[in-house]
Amino acid sequence: MATAQGMMLEVSALAKNFAGVAAVSDVSFGVSEGEIVSLIGPNGAGKTSVFNMITGFYSPDTGSIQYAGCELRGLEPFRIARLGVARTFQNLELFRDMTVEGNMQVACQCHSPISLGAAMFRSAAVRRRETEDAERIARLVDAVGLRQQLGSMASQLSYGAQRRLEIARAMATGARLLLLDEPTAGMSPAEVDEILDLAKKVRDSGVTILLIEHNMNLVMRVSDRIIVMDHGMKIADGEPAQIRRDARVRQAYLGTAG
């Protein structure tokens, strides 16, 4: 388990309604630096809506989202990404007609764009930046096991490899907080184990992880802490052993408190 060094993310009294229906109601939680925290709950519990508010794709109706002491509410997604918050999606969002290397280069540009003028004149700063980006890409594709596929089109990769590329691309933005939205959906048990090992490797590299996941075996194995949502509300927050014993969690998932 990771040792928390300080509060990375603080979500306070977050709420979001759609056409008068509450998707998220008064949700508060924190994620400490160095943790892997899983956000779980039945379908429709509001988990992805929380992710979308943290990353600027939805605007909260009420509440506060503090990342490393900075208020994220009201910021555009690209500004939030440049602060160090990156995410993956339930559905793959890769550039399928680009190579693995091309996908990674785009992510590096998102982190710190090079102006057209600087690129045209290829200043020393631009050449230094290109070298740094190449080193970052090499390090990350090694970490996710894709070095041999660097020149392959993203569409040619297996589903599991595409998921690993999406995580590497998110990391290439310079993220300190990584939000993973159902990274093992549709995967085989072997591919799930690969993502489990990768999540631990990412955390050990100094990146904090907030994870939405339905695979309870993975959640219990990887999480330092688990937050449970049901019908838009937080119903539990604790270590895996506590969550396993929680009657409210069993009620939400199984329809019984027994």
C-alpha atoms as a PDB file:
ATOM      1  CA  MET A   1       0.000   0.000   0.000  1.00  0.00           C
ATOM      2  CA  ALA A   2       1.123   3.537  -0.713  1.00  0.00           C
ATOM      3  CA  THR A   3       1.919   5.996   2.004  1.00  0.00           C
ATOM      4  CA  ALA A   4      -0.035   9.203   1.453  1.00  0.00           C
ATOM      5  CA  GLN A   5       2.106  12.327   1.313  1.00  0.00           C
ATOM      6  CA  GLY A   6      -0.633  14.972   1.206  1.00  0.00           C
ATOM      7  CA  MET A   7      -4.050  15.683  -0.244  1.00  0.00           C
ATOM      8  CA  MET A   8      -3.950  15.654  -4.055  1.00  0.00           C
ATOM      9  CA  LEU A   9      -7.684  15.954  -4.790  1.00  0.00           C
ATOM     10  CA  GLU A  10     -10.535  17.251  -2.620  1.00  0.00           C
ATOM     11  CA  VAL A  11     -14.095  16.982  -3.895  1.00  0.00           C
ATOM     12  CA  SER A  12     -16.634  18.799  -1.713  1.00  0.00           C
ATOM     13  CA  ALA A  13     -20.461  18.734  -1.871  1.00  0.00           C
ATOM     14  CA  LEU A  14     -20.466  18.006  -5.606  1.00  0.00           C
ATOM     15  CA  ALA A  15     -23.881  17.932  -7.321  1.00  0.00           C
ATOM     16  CA  LYS A  16     -25.108  17.641 -10.897  1.00  0.00           C
ATOM     17  CA  ASN A  17     -28.656  17.471 -12.269  1.00  0.00           C
ATOM     18  CA  PHE A  18     -29.765  16.624 -15.801  1.00  0.00           C
ATOM     19  CA  ALA A  19     -33.278  17.752 -16.741  1.00  0.00           C
ATOM     20  CA  GLY A  20     -34.226  17.816 -13.085  1.00  0.00           C
ATOM     21  CA  VAL A  21     -32.835  14.344 -12.359  1.00  0.00           C
ATOM     22  CA  ALA A  22     -29.992  14.184  -9.839  1.00  0.00           C
ATOM     23  CA  ALA A  23     -27.005  12.359 -11.324  1.00  0.00           C
ATOM     24  CA  VAL A  24     -24.718  13.307  -8.412  1.00  0.00           C
ATOM     25  CA  SER A  25     -25.891  14.538  -4.998  1.00  0.00           C
ATOM     26  CA  ASP A  26     -23.661  16.094  -2.331  1.00  0.00           C
ATOM     27  CA  VAL A  27     -20.623  13.886  -2.995  1.00  0.00           C
ATOM     28  CA  SER A  28     -17.445  14.615  -1.031  1.00  0.00           C
ATOM     29  CA  PHE A  29     -14.176  12.688  -0.878  1.00  0.00           C
ATOM     30  CA  GLY A  30     -10.418  13.140  -0.973  1.00  0.00           C
ATOM     31  CA  VAL A  31      -7.546  11.393  -2.710  1.00  0.00           C
ATOM     32  CA  SER A  32      -4.123  11.589  -1.104  1.00  0.00           C
ATOM     33  CA  GLU A  33      -0.886  11.755  -3.033  1.00  0.00           C
ATOM     34  CA  GLY A  34       0.414   8.267  -3.814  1.00  0.00           C
ATOM     35  CA  GLU A  35      -2.916   6.469  -3.408  1.00  0.00           C
ATOM     36  CA  ILE A  36      -4.832   4.233  -5.773  1.00  0.00           C
ATOM     37  CA  VAL A  37      -8.478   4.979  -4.999  1.00  0.00           C
ATOM     38  CA  SER A  38     -11.310   3.108  -6.711  1.00  0.00           C
ATOM     39  CA  LEU A  39     -14.727   4.667  -7.301  1.00  0.00           C
ATOM     40  CA  ILE A  40     -17.271   1.876  -7.595  1.00  0.00           C
ATOM     41  CA  GLY A  41     -21.034   1.390  -7.701  1.00  0.00           C
ATOM     42  CA  PRO A  42     -23.821  -0.087  -9.823  1.00  0.00           C
ATOM     43  CA  ASN A  43     -24.474   1.190 -13.335  1.00  0.00           C
ATOM     44  CA  GLY A  44     -26.018   4.662 -13.171  1.00  0.00           C
ATOM     45  CA  ALA A  45     -24.535   5.405  -9.750  1.00  0.00           C
ATOM     46  CA  GLY A  46     -22.950   8.661 -10.994  1.00  0.00           C
ATOM     47  CA  LYS A  47     -19.314   7.586 -11.169  1.00  0.00           C
ATOM     48  CA  THR A  48     -18.545   8.816 -14.690  1.00  0.00           C
ATOM     49  CA  SER A  49     -20.439  12.052 -14.017  1.00  0.00           C
ATOM     50  CA  VAL A  50     -18.015  12.666 -11.138  1.00  0.00           C
ATOM     51  CA  PHE A  51     -15.079  12.000 -13.474  1.00  0.00           C
ATOM     52  CA  ASN A  52     -16.546  14.350 -16.067  1.00  0.00           C
ATOM     53  CA  MET A  53     -16.861  17.145 -13.497  1.00  0.00           C
ATOM     54  CA  ILE A  54     -13.322  16.674 -12.180  1.00  0.00           C
ATOM     55  CA  THR A  55     -11.909  16.855 -15.715  1.00  0.00           C
ATOM     56  CA  GLY A  56     -14.063  19.776 -16.884  1.00  0.00           C
ATOM     57  CA  PHE A  57     -16.372  17.954 -19.324  1.00  0.00           C
ATOM     58  CA  TYR A  58     -19.366  18.716 -17.079  1.00  0.00           C
ATOM     59  CA  SER A  59     -19.851  21.855 -15.025  1.00  0.00           C
ATOM     60  CA  PRO A  60     -21.022  21.084 -11.462  1.00  0.00           C
ATOM     61  CA  ASP A  61     -24.250  22.693 -10.279  1.00  0.00           C
ATOM     62  CA  THR A  62     -22.743  23.078  -6.816  1.00  0.00           C
ATOM     63  CA  GLY A  63     -19.599  22.067  -5.008  1.00  0.00           C
ATOM     64  CA  SER A  64     -15.842  22.460  -5.168  1.00  0.00           C
ATOM     65  CA  ILE A  65     -13.053  20.464  -6.830  1.00  0.00           C
ATOM     66  CA  GLN A  66      -9.595  21.262  -5.465  1.00  0.00           C
ATOM     67  CA  TYR A  67      -6.537  19.739  -7.136  1.00  0.00           C
ATOM     68  CA  ALA A  68      -3.232  20.428  -5.382  1.00  0.00           C
ATOM     69  CA  GLY A  69      -4.839  23.538  -3.889  1.00  0.00           C
ATOM     70  CA  CYS A  70      -6.193  24.815  -7.229  1.00  0.00           C
ATOM     71  CA  GLU A  71      -9.946  25.116  -7.870  1.00  0.00           C
ATOM     72  CA  LEU A  72     -10.836  23.165 -11.023  1.00  0.00           C
ATOM     73  CA  ARG A  73     -14.510  24.116 -11.198  1.00  0.00           C
ATOM     74  CA  GLY A  74     -15.068  26.377 -14.199  1.00  0.00           C
ATOM     75  CA  LEU A  75     -11.812  25.462 -15.966  1.00  0.00           C
ATOM     76  CA  GLU A  76     -11.806  24.020 -19.482  1.00  0.00           C
ATOM     77  CA  PRO A  77     -10.632  20.402 -19.925  1.00  0.00           C
ATOM     78  CA  PHE A  78      -7.363  21.361 -21.649  1.00  0.00           C
ATOM     79  CA  ARG A  79      -6.449  23.727 -18.801  1.00  0.00           C
ATOM     80  CA  ILE A  80      -7.152  21.022 -16.249  1.00  0.00           C
ATOM     81  CA  ALA A  81      -4.971  18.607 -18.247  1.00  0.00           C
ATOM     82  CA  ARG A  82      -2.103  21.102 -18.285  1.00  0.00           C
ATOM     83  CA  LEU A  83      -2.325  21.372 -14.501  1.00  0.00           C
ATOM     84  CA  GLY A  84      -1.523  17.663 -14.299  1.00  0.00           C
ATOM     85  CA  VAL A  85      -4.890  15.846 -14.386  1.00  0.00           C
ATOM     86  CA  ALA A  86      -5.308  13.265 -17.174  1.00  0.00           C
ATOM     87  CA  ARG A  87      -7.960  10.661 -17.878  1.00  0.00           C
ATOM     88  CA  THR A  88      -8.959   7.730 -20.014  1.00  0.00           C
ATOM     89  CA  PHE A  89     -12.517   6.981 -21.163  1.00  0.00           C
ATOM     90  CA  GLN A  90     -14.931   4.045 -21.096  1.00  0.00           C
ATOM     91  CA  ASN A  91     -14.739   3.966 -24.890  1.00  0.00           C
ATOM     92  CA  LEU A  92     -11.287   4.110 -26.420  1.00  0.00           C
ATOM     93  CA  GLU A  93     -10.409   7.631 -27.603  1.00  0.00           C
ATOM     94  CA  LEU A  94      -7.234   6.880 -29.554  1.00  0.00           C
ATOM     95  CA  PHE A  95      -6.281   8.322 -32.928  1.00  0.00           C
ATOM     96  CA  ARG A  96      -6.777   4.993 -34.690  1.00  0.00           C
ATOM     97  CA  ASP A  97      -5.287   6.154 -38.009  1.00  0.00           C
ATOM     98  CA  MET A  98      -2.046   7.262 -36.325  1.00  0.00           C
ATOM     99  CA  THR A  99       0.868   5.169 -35.099  1.00  0.00           C
ATOM    100  CA  VAL A 100       1.606   4.442 -31.462  1.00  0.00           C
ATOM    101  CA  GLU A 101       4.396   7.021 -31.657  1.00  0.00           C
ATOM    102  CA  GLY A 102       2.079   9.573 -33.265  1.00  0.00           C
ATOM    103  CA  ASN A 103      -0.507   9.165 -30.524  1.00  0.00           C
ATOM    104  CA  MET A 104       2.197   9.725 -27.932  1.00  0.00           C
ATOM    105  CA  GLN A 105       3.574  12.796 -29.725  1.00  0.00           C
ATOM    106  CA  VAL A 106       0.113  14.391 -29.740  1.00  0.00           C
ATOM    107  CA  ALA A 107      -0.122  13.858 -25.981  1.00  0.00           C
ATOM    108  CA  CYS A 108       3.269  15.500 -25.454  1.00  0.00           C
ATOM    109  CA  GLN A 109       2.101  18.513 -27.484  1.00  0.00           C
ATOM    110  CA  CYS A 110      -1.059  18.807 -25.387  1.00  0.00           C
ATOM    111  CA  HIS A 111       1.084  19.062 -22.275  1.00  0.00           C
ATOM    112  CA  SER A 112       3.264  21.874 -23.589  1.00  0.00           C
ATOM    113  CA  PRO A 113       2.476  23.099 -27.112  1.00  0.00           C
ATOM    114  CA  ILE A 114       5.208  24.391 -29.412  1.00  0.00           C
ATOM    115  CA  SER A 115       4.234  27.526 -31.312  1.00  0.00           C
ATOM    116  CA  LEU A 116       4.190  27.435 -35.120  1.00  0.00           C
ATOM    117  CA  GLY A 117       6.947  30.044 -35.331  1.00  0.00           C
ATOM    118  CA  ALA A 118       9.222  28.164 -32.941  1.00  0.00           C
ATOM    119  CA  ALA A 119       8.645  24.918 -34.827  1.00  0.00           C
ATOM    120  CA  MET A 120       9.423  26.542 -38.190  1.00  0.00           C
ATOM    121  CA  PHE A 121      12.727  28.032 -37.052  1.00  0.00           C
ATOM    122  CA  ARG A 122      13.661  24.969 -34.938  1.00  0.00           C
ATOM    123  CA  SER A 123      15.306  26.883 -32.141  1.00  0.00           C
ATOM    124  CA  ALA A 124      17.604  25.202 -29.632  1.00  0.00           C
ATOM    125  CA  ALA A 125      14.693  25.120 -27.191  1.00  0.00           C
ATOM    126  CA  VAL A 126      12.538  23.273 -29.729  1.00  0.00           C
ATOM    127  CA  ARG A 127      15.276  20.724 -30.462  1.00  0.00           C
ATOM    128  CA  ARG A 128      15.786  20.179 -26.732  1.00  0.00           C
ATOM    129  CA  ARG A 129      12.040  19.719 -26.280  1.00  0.00           C
ATOM    130  CA  GLU A 130      11.903  17.167 -29.111  1.00  0.00           C
ATOM    131  CA  THR A 131      14.690  15.183 -27.459  1.00  0.00           C
ATOM    132  CA  GLU A 132      12.891  15.281 -24.101  1.00  0.00           C
ATOM    133  CA  ASP A 133       9.640  14.157 -25.719  1.00  0.00           C
ATOM    134  CA  ALA A 134      11.373  11.263 -27.498  1.00  0.00           C
ATOM    135  CA  GLU A 135      12.909  10.132 -24.203  1.00  0.00           C
ATOM    136  CA  ARG A 136       9.539  10.380 -22.429  1.00  0.00           C
ATOM    137  CA  ILE A 137       7.808   8.404 -25.177  1.00  0.00           C
ATOM    138  CA  ALA A 138      10.472   5.678 -25.107  1.00  0.00           C
ATOM    139  CA  ARG A 139      10.179   5.384 -21.325  1.00  0.00           C
ATOM    140  CA  LEU A 140       6.388   5.174 -21.364  1.00  0.00           C
ATOM    141  CA  VAL A 141       6.008   2.714 -24.255  1.00  0.00           C
ATOM    142  CA  ASP A 142       8.551   0.515 -22.474  1.00  0.00           C
ATOM    143  CA  ALA A 143       6.470   0.720 -19.295  1.00  0.00           C
ATOM    144  CA  VAL A 144       3.313  -0.460 -21.094  1.00  0.00           C
ATOM    145  CA  GLY A 145       5.067  -3.076 -23.236  1.00  0.00           C
ATOM    146  CA  LEU A 146       4.610  -1.366 -26.603  1.00  0.00           C
ATOM    147  CA  ARG A 147       8.171  -0.580 -27.671  1.00  0.00           C
ATOM    148  CA  GLN A 148       8.016  -3.146 -30.492  1.00  0.00           C
ATOM    149  CA  GLN A 149       4.760  -1.591 -31.763  1.00  0.00           C
ATOM    150  CA  LEU A 150       5.973   2.010 -31.855  1.00  0.00           C
ATOM    151  CA  GLY A 151       5.468   2.225 -35.624  1.00  0.00           C
ATOM    152  CA  SER A 152       2.216   0.239 -35.675  1.00  0.00           C
ATOM    153  CA  MET A 153      -1.112   1.914 -36.322  1.00  0.00           C
ATOM    154  CA  ALA A 154      -3.243   2.128 -33.186  1.00  0.00           C
ATOM    155  CA  SER A 155      -6.031   0.308 -35.035  1.00  0.00           C
ATOM    156  CA  GLN A 156      -3.729  -2.696 -35.550  1.00  0.00           C
ATOM    157  CA  LEU A 157      -3.155  -3.247 -31.833  1.00  0.00           C
ATOM    158  CA  SER A 158      -5.066  -5.786 -29.794  1.00  0.00           C
ATOM    159  CA  TYR A 159      -7.800  -4.393 -27.557  1.00  0.00           C
ATOM    160  CA  GLY A 160      -5.656  -4.810 -24.448  1.00  0.00           C
ATOM    161  CA  ALA A 161      -2.701  -3.107 -26.122  1.00  0.00           C
ATOM    162  CA  GLN A 162      -4.937  -0.202 -27.159  1.00  0.00           C
ATOM    163  CA  ARG A 163      -5.989   0.217 -23.528  1.00  0.00           C
ATOM    164  CA  ARG A 164      -2.345   0.262 -22.455  1.00  0.00           C
ATOM    165  CA  LEU A 165      -1.575   2.834 -25.152  1.00  0.00           C
ATOM    166  CA  GLU A 166      -4.398   5.035 -23.880  1.00  0.00           C
ATOM    167  CA  ILE A 167      -2.883   4.938 -20.384  1.00  0.00           C
ATOM    168  CA  ALA A 168       0.599   5.696 -21.724  1.00  0.00           C
ATOM    169  CA  ARG A 169      -0.789   8.588 -23.768  1.00  0.00           C
ATOM    170  CA  ALA A 170      -2.468  10.033 -20.686  1.00  0.00           C
ATOM    171  CA  MET A 171       0.838   9.731 -18.829  1.00  0.00           C
ATOM    172  CA  ALA A 172       2.658  11.538 -21.647  1.00  0.00           C
ATOM    173  CA  THR A 173       0.760  14.710 -20.783  1.00  0.00           C
ATOM    174  CA  GLY A 174       2.826  14.923 -17.590  1.00  0.00           C
ATOM    175  CA  ALA A 175      -0.052  13.844 -15.340  1.00  0.00           C
ATOM    176  CA  ARG A 176       0.326  13.721 -11.576  1.00  0.00           C
ATOM    177  CA  LEU A 177      -3.278  12.567 -11.122  1.00  0.00           C
ATOM    178  CA  LEU A 178      -4.580   9.899 -13.502  1.00  0.00           C
ATOM    179  CA  LEU A 179      -8.298   9.077 -13.786  1.00  0.00           C
ATOM    180  CA  LEU A 180      -8.971   5.671 -15.338  1.00  0.00           C
ATOM    181  CA  ASP A 181     -12.554   5.014 -16.453  1.00  0.00           C
ATOM    182  CA  GLU A 182     -13.183   1.240 -16.619  1.00  0.00           C
ATOM    183  CA  PRO A 183      -9.724   0.368 -18.017  1.00  0.00           C
ATOM    184  CA  THR A 184     -10.373  -3.401 -17.994  1.00  0.00           C
ATOM    185  CA  ALA A 185     -13.824  -3.416 -19.644  1.00  0.00           C
ATOM    186  CA  GLY A 186     -14.010  -6.270 -22.166  1.00  0.00           C
ATOM    187  CA  MET A 187     -10.616  -7.703 -21.240  1.00  0.00           C
ATOM    188  CA  SER A 188      -9.547 -11.295 -20.672  1.00  0.00           C
ATOM    189  CA  PRO A 189      -8.278 -12.327 -17.196  1.00  0.00           C
ATOM    190  CA  ALA A 190      -4.683 -12.164 -18.470  1.00  0.00           C
ATOM    191  CA  GLU A 191      -5.203  -8.637 -19.813  1.00  0.00           C
ATOM    192  CA  VAL A 192      -6.795  -7.599 -16.501  1.00  0.00           C
ATOM    193  CA  ASP A 193      -3.658  -8.772 -14.696  1.00  0.00           C
ATOM    194  CA  GLU A 194      -1.558  -6.674 -17.084  1.00  0.00           C
ATOM    195  CA  ILE A 195      -3.579  -3.568 -16.212  1.00  0.00           C
ATOM    196  CA  LEU A 196      -3.291  -4.386 -12.507  1.00  0.00           C
ATOM    197  CA  ASP A 197       0.498  -4.560 -12.781  1.00  0.00           C
ATOM    198  CA  LEU A 198       0.565  -1.390 -14.894  1.00  0.00           C
ATOM    199  CA  ALA A 199      -1.544   0.562 -12.370  1.00  0.00           C
ATOM    200  CA  LYS A 200       0.872  -0.371  -9.593  1.00  0.00           C
ATOM    201  CA  LYS A 201       3.845   0.581 -11.778  1.00  0.00           C
ATOM    202  CA  VAL A 202       2.251   3.961 -12.565  1.00  0.00           C
ATOM    203  CA  ARG A 203       1.593   4.619  -8.876  1.00  0.00           C
ATOM    204  CA  ASP A 204       5.176   3.643  -7.986  1.00  0.00           C
ATOM    205  CA  SER A 205       6.407   6.183 -10.569  1.00  0.00           C
ATOM    206  CA  GLY A 206       4.797   8.959  -8.495  1.00  0.00           C
ATOM    207  CA  VAL A 207       1.364   9.264 -10.114  1.00  0.00           C
ATOM    208  CA  THR A 208      -1.818   9.177  -8.025  1.00  0.00           C
ATOM    209  CA  ILE A 209      -4.708   7.144  -9.487  1.00  0.00           C
ATOM    210  CA  LEU A 210      -8.486   7.473  -9.240  1.00  0.00           C
ATOM    211  CA  LEU A 211     -10.139   4.473 -10.858  1.00  0.00           C
ATOM    212  CA  ILE A 212     -13.666   3.546 -11.963  1.00  0.00           C
ATOM    213  CA  GLU A 213     -13.898  -0.217 -12.247  1.00  0.00           C
ATOM    214  CA  HIS A 214     -16.536  -2.980 -12.190  1.00  0.00           C
ATOM    215  CA  ASN A 215     -14.069  -5.838 -11.815  1.00  0.00           C
ATOM    216  CA  MET A 216     -14.253  -6.343  -8.053  1.00  0.00           C
ATOM    217  CA  ASN A 217     -11.346  -8.774  -8.006  1.00  0.00           C
ATOM    218  CA  LEU A 218      -9.076  -6.100  -9.474  1.00  0.00           C
ATOM    219  CA  VAL A 219     -10.534  -3.377  -7.225  1.00  0.00           C
ATOM    220  CA  MET A 220      -9.856  -5.373  -4.072  1.00  0.00           C
ATOM    221  CA  ARG A 221      -6.312  -6.232  -5.184  1.00  0.00           C
ATOM    222  CA  VAL A 222      -5.157  -2.807  -6.365  1.00  0.00           C
ATOM    223  CA  SER A 223      -6.943  -0.243  -4.172  1.00  0.00           C
ATOM    224  CA  ASP A 224      -5.590   1.541  -1.129  1.00  0.00           C
ATOM    225  CA  ARG A 225      -9.109   2.863  -0.577  1.00  0.00           C
ATOM    226  CA  ILE A 226     -12.542   2.376  -2.152  1.00  0.00           C
ATOM    227  CA  ILE A 227     -15.372   4.909  -2.490  1.00  0.00           C
ATOM    228  CA  VAL A 228     -18.815   3.462  -3.180  1.00  0.00           C
ATOM    229  CA  MET A 229     -21.635   5.367  -4.905  1.00  0.00           C
ATOM    230  CA  ASP A 230     -25.282   4.458  -5.374  1.00  0.00           C
ATOM    231  CA  HIS A 231     -28.044   6.577  -6.965  1.00  0.00           C
ATOM    232  CA  GLY A 232     -25.699   9.570  -7.197  1.00  0.00           C
ATOM    233  CA  MET A 233     -24.669   9.525  -3.540  1.00  0.00           C
ATOM    234  CA  LYS A 234     -21.589   8.310  -1.692  1.00  0.00           C
ATOM    235  CA  ILE A 235     -22.573   5.440   0.605  1.00  0.00           C
ATOM    236  CA  ALA A 236     -19.177   4.159   1.791  1.00  0.00           C
ATOM    237  CA  ASP A 237     -15.497   5.103   1.893  1.00  0.00           C
ATOM    238  CA  GLY A 238     -12.775   2.897   3.347  1.00  0.00           C
ATOM    239  CA  GLU A 239     -10.091   0.281   2.872  1.00  0.00           C
ATOM    240  CA  PRO A 240     -10.964  -2.871   0.872  1.00  0.00           C
ATOM    241  CA  ALA A 241     -11.533  -5.002   3.985  1.00  0.00           C
ATOM    242  CA  GLN A 242     -13.989  -2.441   5.358  1.00  0.00           C
ATOM    243  CA  ILE A 243     -15.874  -2.181   2.082  1.00  0.00           C
ATOM    244  CA  ARG A 244     -16.125  -5.955   1.818  1.00  0.00           C
ATOM    245  CA  ARG A 245     -17.953  -6.054   5.166  1.00  0.00           C
ATOM    246  CA  ASP A 246     -20.188  -3.003   4.598  1.00  0.00           C
ATOM    247  CA  ALA A 247     -23.912  -3.885   4.627  1.00  0.00           C
ATOM    248  CA  ARG A 248     -24.801  -0.798   2.550  1.00  0.00           C
ATOM    249  CA  VAL A 249     -22.452  -1.936  -0.212  1.00  0.00           C
ATOM    250  CA  ARG A 250     -23.956  -5.438  -0.267  1.00  0.00           C
ATOM    251  CA  GLN A 251     -27.408  -3.848  -0.422  1.00  0.00           C
ATOM    252  CA  ALA A 252     -26.405  -1.666  -3.392  1.00  0.00           C
ATOM    253  CA  TYR A 253     -24.873  -4.537  -5.345  1.00  0.00           C
ATOM    254  CA  LEU A 254     -26.962  -7.506  -4.310  1.00  0.00           C
ATOM    255  CA  GLY A 255     -30.233  -6.030  -3.130  1.00  0.00           C
ATOM    256  CA  THR A 256     -29.750  -7.532   0.286  1.00  0.00           C
ATOM    257  CA  ALA A 257     -27.974  -6.511   3.467  1.00  0.00           C
ATOM    258  CA  GLY A 258     -27.396 -10.123   4.413  1.00  0.00           C
END
